[in-house]
Amino acid sequence: MDEHKENIHDKDVNVKMSNTREDEKAKPCSRICTTEESAPEVSSAQSKGEFSDPVYKEIALANGHINRMTKDELRSKLAELKLDTRGVKDVMKKRLKSHYKKQKLMQSVAAGGATDTYYDYICVVDFEATCEEDNPPDFLHEIIEFPMVLINTHTLEIVDTFQEYVKPEVNTQLSDFCVNLTGITQKMVDEADTFPAVLQRVVHWLQERELGTKYKYAMLTDGSWDMSKFLNIQCRISRIRYPQFAKKWINIRKSYGNFYKVPRTQTKLSTMLEKLGLKYEGRPHSGLDDSRNIARIALRMLQDGCQLRVNERMHAGQLLPVPSSAPVEGAPPPLNPRSRD
């Protein structure tokens, strides 16, 4: 549902939104893919100590050499190192730079791992919701598919999935446009449970995997809409409180744009896959298939050296950025849905 989400009016009367927009220009970053415009302050002791190590000069020299390489040279070097050779030139450059940086740092006292070492798991969510071809500003989008794809950041694998359809309660009849777009039929939602019951099973699924208790985890979405609009609106319709575990998440579009230093126009799902040399697998606008493909992008970013971090949050019904200087925290243990009444 990624492209269709962009047609949703920003001034939705049911959701308070801040002035912070999804379509902010992507800002450059280093290995940690956040959205803050300015990097965290570095103390003078750090700058004189940590970053004066000769290893950083070696990394800078290697980066300069990589910048001068042609696309064929980059592909040849990646093949020689047994690294992935797919993707556009800028992606291959980033992959090679990350490889050398990781290699050099592992040889120094500042040795670091290859992948994200804070979150043990990343949980990808991409809702499908009721929609019309031309959504009016006051249209109530109700979640009709709740998928989740679980990534192990240590093994760099998709290890589990969850999927359930959801019965809408306000606009109970799906539009022809919605059925054709998502592949979700009227029969599927008529036979499904309402959102509170499905959310209860989502919580149980997360609890069974000891997320938030034994293992650190974060939610990840393709854009801001899933949490700031769809989940927010759905919780209001269902008269339940917005779940704490979903109040902060990784917006992969921002992370991708910052890590590979590309504009927002190059961060749609189909474009990200294409630039990484990947092809979409499954049915577009199937929530579960979309989630799997988003997870493949996240895995490739981790392999390329990106440390995915929470970069957006909900507070008092508003969408806000999470600054790069904020302490890194995992999502809290999932709790059973609570009534607003």
Protein backbone atom coordinates (compact mmCIF):
# COMPACT_ATOMS: atom_id res chain seq x y z
CA MET A 1 0.00 0.00 0.00
CA ASP A 2 3.09 2.20 -0.05
CA GLU A 3 2.40 4.34 -3.14
CA HIS A 4 -1.29 4.72 -2.25
CA LYS A 5 -0.38 5.96 1.23
CA GLU A 6 1.08 9.07 -0.36
CA ASN A 7 -2.40 10.04 -1.57
CA ILE A 8 -3.72 10.24 1.98
CA HIS A 9 -4.42 13.83 2.93
CA ASP A 10 -1.98 15.14 5.54
CA LYS A 11 -4.66 17.30 7.20
CA ASP A 12 -6.69 14.38 8.49
CA VAL A 13 -9.25 15.63 10.99
CA ASN A 14 -8.87 12.47 13.06
CA VAL A 15 -5.14 12.72 13.63
CA LYS A 16 -3.09 15.53 15.13
CA MET A 17 0.07 15.96 13.15
CA SER A 18 3.10 18.11 13.90
CA ASN A 19 4.81 20.31 11.34
CA THR A 20 7.44 17.61 10.95
CA ARG A 21 6.78 16.02 7.56
CA GLU A 22 7.74 12.69 6.05
CA ASP A 23 8.88 14.51 2.94
CA GLU A 24 11.69 16.37 4.63
CA LYS A 25 14.84 16.25 2.57
CA ALA A 26 17.05 13.34 3.54
CA LYS A 27 20.08 14.46 5.47
CA PRO A 28 23.49 12.83 5.30
CA CYS A 29 24.65 10.59 8.10
CA SER A 30 27.34 8.12 8.96
CA ARG A 31 26.80 4.46 9.82
CA ILE A 32 23.99 5.28 12.25
CA CYS A 33 20.94 6.09 10.12
CA THR A 34 19.03 8.77 12.02
CA THR A 35 17.17 11.86 10.91
CA GLU A 36 18.64 14.61 13.02
CA GLU A 37 20.05 17.50 11.00
CA SER A 38 23.10 17.98 13.16
CA ALA A 39 25.29 15.19 14.48
CA PRO A 40 25.65 14.71 18.24
CA GLU A 41 28.29 16.90 19.80
CA VAL A 42 31.69 15.29 20.21
CA SER A 43 33.77 16.36 23.17
CA SER A 44 37.26 17.73 22.64
CA ALA A 45 38.66 14.69 24.42
CA GLN A 46 36.87 12.43 21.98
CA SER A 47 37.99 14.38 18.94
CA LYS A 48 41.60 14.38 20.09
CA GLY A 49 41.56 10.79 21.23
CA GLU A 50 39.20 8.49 19.39
CA PHE A 51 39.22 10.22 16.00
CA SER A 52 42.94 11.03 15.96
CA ASP A 53 43.73 7.32 15.72
CA PRO A 54 45.67 6.62 12.49
CA VAL A 55 42.96 4.13 11.48
CA TYR A 56 40.65 7.03 10.55
CA LYS A 57 43.25 8.45 8.19
CA GLU A 58 43.48 5.03 6.53
CA ILE A 59 39.69 4.93 6.21
CA ALA A 60 39.66 8.43 4.65
CA LEU A 61 42.31 7.40 2.12
CA ALA A 62 40.39 4.25 1.24
CA ASN A 63 37.20 6.29 0.78
CA GLY A 64 38.98 8.67 -1.57
CA HIS A 65 40.19 5.77 -3.68
CA ILE A 66 36.71 4.23 -3.78
CA ASN A 67 35.20 7.57 -4.88
CA ARG A 68 37.45 7.50 -7.96
CA MET A 69 36.51 3.97 -8.98
CA THR A 70 34.28 3.29 -11.99
CA LYS A 71 31.17 1.14 -11.73
CA ASP A 72 32.97 -1.81 -13.32
CA GLU A 73 35.90 -1.42 -10.93
CA LEU A 74 33.53 -1.31 -7.96
CA ARG A 75 31.74 -4.45 -9.10
CA SER A 76 35.04 -6.24 -9.70
CA LYS A 77 36.36 -5.31 -6.25
CA LEU A 78 33.13 -6.37 -4.55
CA ALA A 79 33.23 -9.69 -6.38
CA GLU A 80 36.86 -10.17 -5.33
CA LEU A 81 35.86 -9.58 -1.70
CA LYS A 82 32.87 -11.93 -2.14
CA LEU A 83 30.44 -9.09 -1.40
CA ASP A 84 27.11 -8.43 -3.12
CA THR A 85 27.69 -6.85 -6.54
CA ARG A 86 24.10 -5.70 -7.11
CA GLY A 87 22.86 -2.13 -6.99
CA VAL A 88 23.57 1.26 -8.54
CA LYS A 89 27.04 2.85 -8.34
CA ASP A 90 26.37 4.87 -5.17
CA VAL A 91 25.06 1.80 -3.37
CA MET A 92 28.13 -0.24 -4.37
CA LYS A 93 30.43 2.58 -3.22
CA LYS A 94 28.69 2.70 0.17
CA ARG A 95 28.94 -1.08 0.49
CA LEU A 96 32.66 -1.11 -0.26
CA LYS A 97 33.37 1.83 2.07
CA SER A 98 31.45 0.14 4.87
CA HIS A 99 33.39 -3.07 4.32
CA TYR A 100 36.77 -1.31 4.56
CA LYS A 101 35.70 0.78 7.53
CA LYS A 102 34.48 -2.29 9.36
CA GLN A 103 37.66 -4.17 8.49
CA LYS A 104 39.92 -1.35 9.69
CA LEU A 105 38.00 -0.77 12.91
CA MET A 106 38.06 -4.46 13.72
CA GLN A 107 41.84 -4.31 13.49
CA SER A 108 42.01 -1.40 15.92
CA VAL A 109 41.10 -0.89 19.56
CA ALA A 110 37.84 0.63 18.32
CA ALA A 111 36.80 -2.76 16.92
CA GLY A 112 33.11 -2.93 16.02
CA GLY A 113 30.71 -5.56 14.71
CA ALA A 114 29.33 -5.86 11.22
CA THR A 115 25.69 -5.54 12.05
CA ASP A 116 23.31 -3.72 14.35
CA THR A 117 24.32 -4.81 17.85
CA TYR A 118 21.76 -2.90 19.93
CA TYR A 119 18.44 -4.39 18.83
CA ASP A 120 18.33 -8.17 18.81
CA TYR A 121 15.27 -8.12 16.59
CA ILE A 122 13.53 -5.69 14.27
CA CYS A 123 9.81 -6.15 13.67
CA VAL A 124 8.58 -4.91 10.28
CA VAL A 125 4.94 -3.80 9.98
CA ASP A 126 3.07 -2.67 6.87
CA PHE A 127 -0.68 -2.35 7.38
CA GLU A 128 -3.31 -2.53 4.69
CA ALA A 129 -6.33 -0.32 5.33
CA THR A 130 -9.68 0.52 3.83
CA CYS A 131 -9.40 3.10 1.07
CA GLU A 132 -11.12 4.78 -1.85
CA GLU A 133 -9.57 5.76 -5.16
CA ASP A 134 -9.79 9.42 -4.11
CA ASN A 135 -9.78 9.45 -0.33
CA PRO A 136 -11.74 12.45 1.05
CA PRO A 137 -10.00 14.39 3.86
CA ASP A 138 -12.30 12.94 6.52
CA PHE A 139 -12.10 9.30 5.36
CA LEU A 140 -11.64 6.85 8.22
CA HIS A 141 -8.94 4.36 7.25
CA GLU A 142 -9.52 1.07 9.08
CA ILE A 143 -6.83 -1.58 9.26
CA ILE A 144 -7.84 -4.71 7.35
CA GLU A 145 -4.52 -6.61 7.40
CA PHE A 146 -2.06 -6.79 10.30
CA PRO A 147 1.23 -8.38 9.14
CA MET A 148 4.56 -8.61 10.97
CA VAL A 149 7.95 -9.86 9.79
CA LEU A 150 10.65 -10.52 12.38
CA ILE A 151 14.34 -9.93 11.57
CA ASN A 152 17.19 -11.34 13.65
CA THR A 153 19.87 -8.63 13.46
CA HIS A 154 22.64 -11.04 14.49
CA THR A 155 22.01 -13.77 11.93
CA LEU A 156 20.64 -11.31 9.34
CA GLU A 157 17.65 -13.52 8.61
CA ILE A 158 13.88 -13.31 8.55
CA VAL A 159 12.99 -15.70 11.36
CA ASP A 160 9.22 -15.45 11.74
CA THR A 161 6.03 -13.87 10.38
CA PHE A 162 2.53 -13.05 11.60
CA GLN A 163 -0.56 -12.20 9.54
CA GLU A 164 -4.24 -11.73 10.26
CA TYR A 165 -7.04 -9.95 8.44
CA VAL A 166 -9.22 -7.51 10.36
CA LYS A 167 -12.96 -6.79 10.15
CA PRO A 168 -13.70 -3.07 9.66
CA GLU A 169 -16.46 -1.62 11.85
CA VAL A 170 -17.27 1.77 10.31
CA ASN A 171 -17.01 1.25 6.55
CA THR A 172 -17.81 -2.45 6.60
CA GLN A 173 -18.09 -2.79 2.81
CA LEU A 174 -14.73 -2.70 0.98
CA SER A 175 -14.58 -0.55 -2.15
CA ASP A 176 -13.80 -2.22 -5.46
CA PHE A 177 -10.66 -0.08 -5.58
CA CYS A 178 -9.53 -1.42 -2.19
CA VAL A 179 -10.17 -5.04 -3.17
CA ASN A 180 -8.28 -4.66 -6.44
CA LEU A 181 -5.40 -2.82 -4.78
CA THR A 182 -4.84 -5.12 -1.80
CA GLY A 183 -6.23 -8.44 -3.00
CA ILE A 184 -8.24 -8.59 0.25
CA THR A 185 -11.80 -9.72 -0.44
CA GLN A 186 -15.01 -8.91 1.38
CA LYS A 187 -15.22 -12.54 2.52
CA MET A 188 -11.76 -12.34 4.11
CA VAL A 189 -12.67 -9.38 6.32
CA ASP A 190 -16.22 -10.61 7.05
CA GLU A 191 -14.73 -13.80 8.51
CA ALA A 192 -12.02 -11.95 10.47
CA ASP A 193 -12.08 -10.59 14.03
CA THR A 194 -12.26 -6.90 14.86
CA PHE A 195 -9.07 -4.98 15.60
CA PRO A 196 -8.92 -5.31 19.44
CA ALA A 197 -9.00 -9.12 19.20
CA VAL A 198 -6.32 -9.17 16.49
CA LEU A 199 -4.12 -6.75 18.45
CA GLN A 200 -4.48 -9.03 21.47
CA ARG A 201 -3.05 -11.92 19.42
CA VAL A 202 -0.25 -9.67 18.09
CA VAL A 203 0.72 -8.89 21.69
CA HIS A 204 0.67 -12.59 22.56
CA TRP A 205 2.84 -13.35 19.49
CA LEU A 206 5.41 -10.75 20.56
CA GLN A 207 5.33 -11.96 24.18
CA GLU A 208 5.90 -15.58 23.10
CA ARG A 209 9.14 -14.44 21.41
CA GLU A 210 10.20 -12.63 24.61
CA LEU A 211 10.53 -9.30 22.84
CA GLY A 212 11.03 -6.42 25.24
CA THR A 213 11.87 -8.80 28.10
CA LYS A 214 14.72 -11.13 27.12
CA TYR A 215 15.45 -9.48 23.76
CA LYS A 216 15.70 -5.85 22.67
CA TYR A 217 13.61 -4.99 19.65
CA ALA A 218 12.27 -2.10 17.58
CA MET A 219 9.39 -1.63 15.17
CA LEU A 220 10.13 -0.67 11.56
CA THR A 221 7.82 0.76 8.90
CA ASP A 222 7.95 2.00 5.33
CA GLY A 223 7.11 5.65 6.03
CA SER A 224 5.20 7.38 8.83
CA TRP A 225 1.65 6.49 7.81
CA ASP A 226 1.35 3.04 9.40
CA MET A 227 1.82 4.25 12.96
CA SER A 228 0.92 7.96 12.81
CA LYS A 229 -2.25 7.54 10.75
CA PHE A 230 -3.52 3.97 10.33
CA LEU A 231 -2.79 2.68 13.86
CA ASN A 232 -3.68 6.01 15.45
CA ILE A 233 -7.04 6.22 13.66
CA GLN A 234 -7.79 2.54 14.30
CA CYS A 235 -7.21 2.86 18.05
CA ARG A 236 -9.63 5.79 18.15
CA ILE A 237 -12.26 3.84 16.23
CA SER A 238 -11.81 0.76 18.45
CA ARG A 239 -11.81 2.87 21.63
CA ILE A 240 -8.50 1.45 22.82
CA ARG A 241 -5.30 3.18 23.87
CA TYR A 242 -2.46 3.48 21.40
CA PRO A 243 -0.04 0.59 22.23
CA GLN A 244 3.15 1.67 23.98
CA PHE A 245 5.33 -0.74 21.99
CA ALA A 246 4.40 1.07 18.75
CA LYS A 247 5.01 4.64 19.95
CA LYS A 248 8.54 4.70 18.48
CA TRP A 249 9.74 3.14 15.26
CA ILE A 250 12.33 3.10 12.50
CA ASN A 251 11.08 4.85 9.36
CA ILE A 252 13.17 2.97 6.81
CA ARG A 253 12.64 5.62 4.15
CA LYS A 254 14.46 8.18 6.29
CA SER A 255 17.15 5.67 7.27
CA TYR A 256 17.69 4.63 3.64
CA GLY A 257 17.86 8.21 2.39
CA ASN A 258 20.33 9.22 5.08
CA PHE A 259 22.56 6.15 4.76
CA TYR A 260 22.83 6.10 0.97
CA LYS A 261 22.51 9.91 0.75
CA VAL A 262 19.66 10.01 -1.73
CA PRO A 263 16.61 12.33 -1.93
CA ARG A 264 13.17 11.34 -0.71
CA THR A 265 12.03 10.74 -4.30
CA GLN A 266 14.31 7.68 -4.32
CA THR A 267 12.92 6.11 -1.13
CA LYS A 268 9.72 4.47 -2.35
CA LEU A 269 9.65 0.72 -1.79
CA SER A 270 9.99 -0.16 -5.47
CA THR A 271 12.82 2.34 -5.97
CA MET A 272 14.77 1.21 -2.90
CA LEU A 273 14.60 -2.39 -4.09
CA GLU A 274 15.68 -1.40 -7.60
CA LYS A 275 18.63 0.71 -6.40
CA LEU A 276 19.80 -2.18 -4.22
CA GLY A 277 19.62 -4.57 -7.19
CA LEU A 278 16.65 -6.46 -5.72
CA LYS A 279 13.31 -7.40 -7.26
CA TYR A 280 9.95 -7.29 -5.53
CA GLU A 281 8.87 -10.75 -4.40
CA GLY A 282 5.17 -11.53 -4.07
CA ARG A 283 2.04 -9.45 -4.65
CA PRO A 284 2.37 -5.65 -4.35
CA HIS A 285 0.04 -4.18 -1.68
CA SER A 286 -0.26 -7.48 0.14
CA GLY A 287 0.64 -6.40 3.66
CA LEU A 288 2.68 -9.51 4.38
CA ASP A 289 4.50 -9.45 1.03
CA ASP A 290 5.20 -5.71 1.38
CA SER A 291 6.55 -6.36 4.89
CA ARG A 292 8.82 -9.14 3.63
CA ASN A 293 10.25 -6.88 0.93
CA ILE A 294 10.77 -4.03 3.40
CA ALA A 295 12.59 -6.55 5.62
CA ARG A 296 14.85 -7.49 2.68
CA ILE A 297 15.81 -3.81 2.31
CA ALA A 298 16.53 -3.57 6.05
CA LEU A 299 18.69 -6.70 5.89
CA ARG A 300 20.66 -5.32 2.94
CA MET A 301 21.21 -2.05 4.82
CA LEU A 302 22.49 -3.95 7.86
CA GLN A 303 24.80 -5.95 5.60
CA ASP A 304 26.06 -2.69 4.09
CA GLY A 305 26.99 -1.38 7.54
CA CYS A 306 23.96 0.69 8.53
CA GLN A 307 22.97 0.70 12.19
CA LEU A 308 19.22 1.13 12.07
CA ARG A 309 17.88 3.27 14.90
CA VAL A 310 14.45 4.55 15.95
CA ASN A 311 13.88 7.90 14.23
CA GLU A 312 10.17 8.71 14.68
CA ARG A 313 7.66 8.64 17.52
CA MET A 314 4.10 9.46 18.51
CA HIS A 315 3.50 11.85 21.39
CA ALA A 316 0.09 13.20 22.39
CA GLY A 317 -1.29 12.24 18.98
CA GLN A 318 1.49 14.02 17.11
CA LEU A 319 4.18 12.64 14.82
CA LEU A 320 7.62 13.78 15.99
CA PRO A 321 11.23 13.00 15.02
CA VAL A 322 13.60 11.20 17.38
CA PRO A 323 16.91 13.11 17.41
CA SER A 324 20.14 11.22 16.87
CA SER A 325 21.34 12.48 20.26
CA ALA A 326 18.51 10.68 22.09
CA PRO A 327 19.44 7.62 24.15
CA VAL A 328 19.02 4.38 22.20
CA GLU A 329 16.19 2.34 23.68
CA GLY A 330 14.34 -0.76 22.65
CA ALA A 331 10.55 -0.96 22.50
CA PRO A 332 8.89 -1.78 25.84
CA PRO A 333 7.36 -5.18 26.57
CA PRO A 334 4.04 -5.50 24.70
CA LEU A 335 0.96 -5.27 26.93
CA ASN A 336 -2.65 -6.25 26.36
CA PRO A 337 -4.88 -3.61 24.71
CA ARG A 338 -6.47 -1.16 27.15
CA SER A 339 -9.78 0.60 26.76
CA ARG A 340 -9.98 4.38 26.38
CA ASP A 341 -13.15 4.41 28.48
